[in-house]
Protein backbone atom coordinates (compact mmCIF):
# COMPACT_ATOMS: atom_id res chain seq x y z
CA MET A 1 -8.53 25.21 10.37
CA SER A 2 -6.98 22.57 11.78
CA GLN A 3 -8.54 19.61 13.22
CA GLN A 4 -7.89 17.47 16.49
CA THR A 5 -7.93 13.58 15.92
CA PRO A 6 -9.05 11.51 18.56
CA GLU A 7 -5.98 9.39 19.23
CA ILE A 8 -7.40 6.17 18.98
CA GLU A 9 -8.48 6.56 15.77
CA VAL A 10 -5.13 7.75 14.16
CA GLU A 11 -3.51 4.58 16.17
CA SER A 12 -6.57 2.45 13.89
CA TRP A 13 -5.39 3.33 10.29
CA VAL A 14 -1.74 3.72 11.74
CA GLY A 15 -1.68 0.37 12.58
CA ILE A 16 -3.62 -0.54 8.92
CA VAL A 17 -0.62 1.43 7.39
CA LYS A 18 1.97 -0.66 8.55
CA GLN A 19 0.11 -4.11 8.51
CA LYS A 20 0.09 -3.31 5.24
CA VAL A 21 3.54 -2.49 4.58
CA SER A 22 5.31 -5.40 5.87
CA ALA A 23 2.56 -7.21 4.23
CA LEU A 24 4.35 -5.89 0.26
CA ARG A 25 7.39 -6.67 -1.30
CA PHE A 26 6.81 -4.86 -4.24
CA GLY A 27 3.98 -2.20 -5.03
CA SER A 28 2.08 0.84 -3.76
CA LEU A 29 0.05 2.10 -0.91
CA GLN A 30 -2.17 4.72 -0.90
CA ILE A 31 -4.17 6.82 2.27
CA ILE A 32 -7.91 8.36 1.09
CA VAL A 33 -8.04 11.46 3.83
CA HIS A 34 -11.84 12.86 2.78
CA GLU A 35 -12.31 16.56 5.36
CA GLY A 36 -8.51 16.19 7.74
CA ARG A 37 -9.80 12.04 8.45
CA VAL A 38 -8.28 8.96 6.68
CA THR A 39 -11.62 6.91 5.38
CA GLN A 40 -9.04 4.63 3.33
CA VAL A 41 -6.36 2.77 3.03
CA GLU A 42 -5.37 1.12 -0.55
CA SER A 43 -2.55 -1.27 -1.26
CA THR A 44 -1.54 -2.60 -4.95
CA GLU A 45 0.81 -5.43 -4.98
CA LYS A 46 3.26 -6.52 -7.87
CA THR A 47 4.72 -8.99 -8.88
CA ARG A 48 7.66 -9.24 -10.90
CA LEU A 49 8.41 -12.03 -13.57
CA SER A 50 12.05 -12.32 -14.94
CA VAL A 51 11.96 -11.93 -18.59
CA GLU A 52 15.09 -13.73 -19.22
CA PRO A 53 13.25 -16.80 -19.29
CA LEU A 54 10.70 -15.96 -22.08
CA LEU A 55 13.40 -14.58 -24.14
CA THR A 56 15.51 -18.11 -24.04
CA GLN A 57 12.23 -19.85 -25.03
CA ALA A 58 11.36 -17.94 -27.65
CA ARG A 59 15.29 -18.55 -29.53
CA LYS A 60 14.60 -22.83 -29.02
């Protein structure tokens, strides 16, 4: 059984996804679907740290 999703509802979560993707530099986006509807959008952002300065400091 397929359900038709109202156009306004689709535009709403698609806009949220676009906003979160454009705000991420490194990370992931998870879209939660319940009974054929997007009910939640989660984003996790990673902060990348350089390992090189830590090794340099440890040798001093």
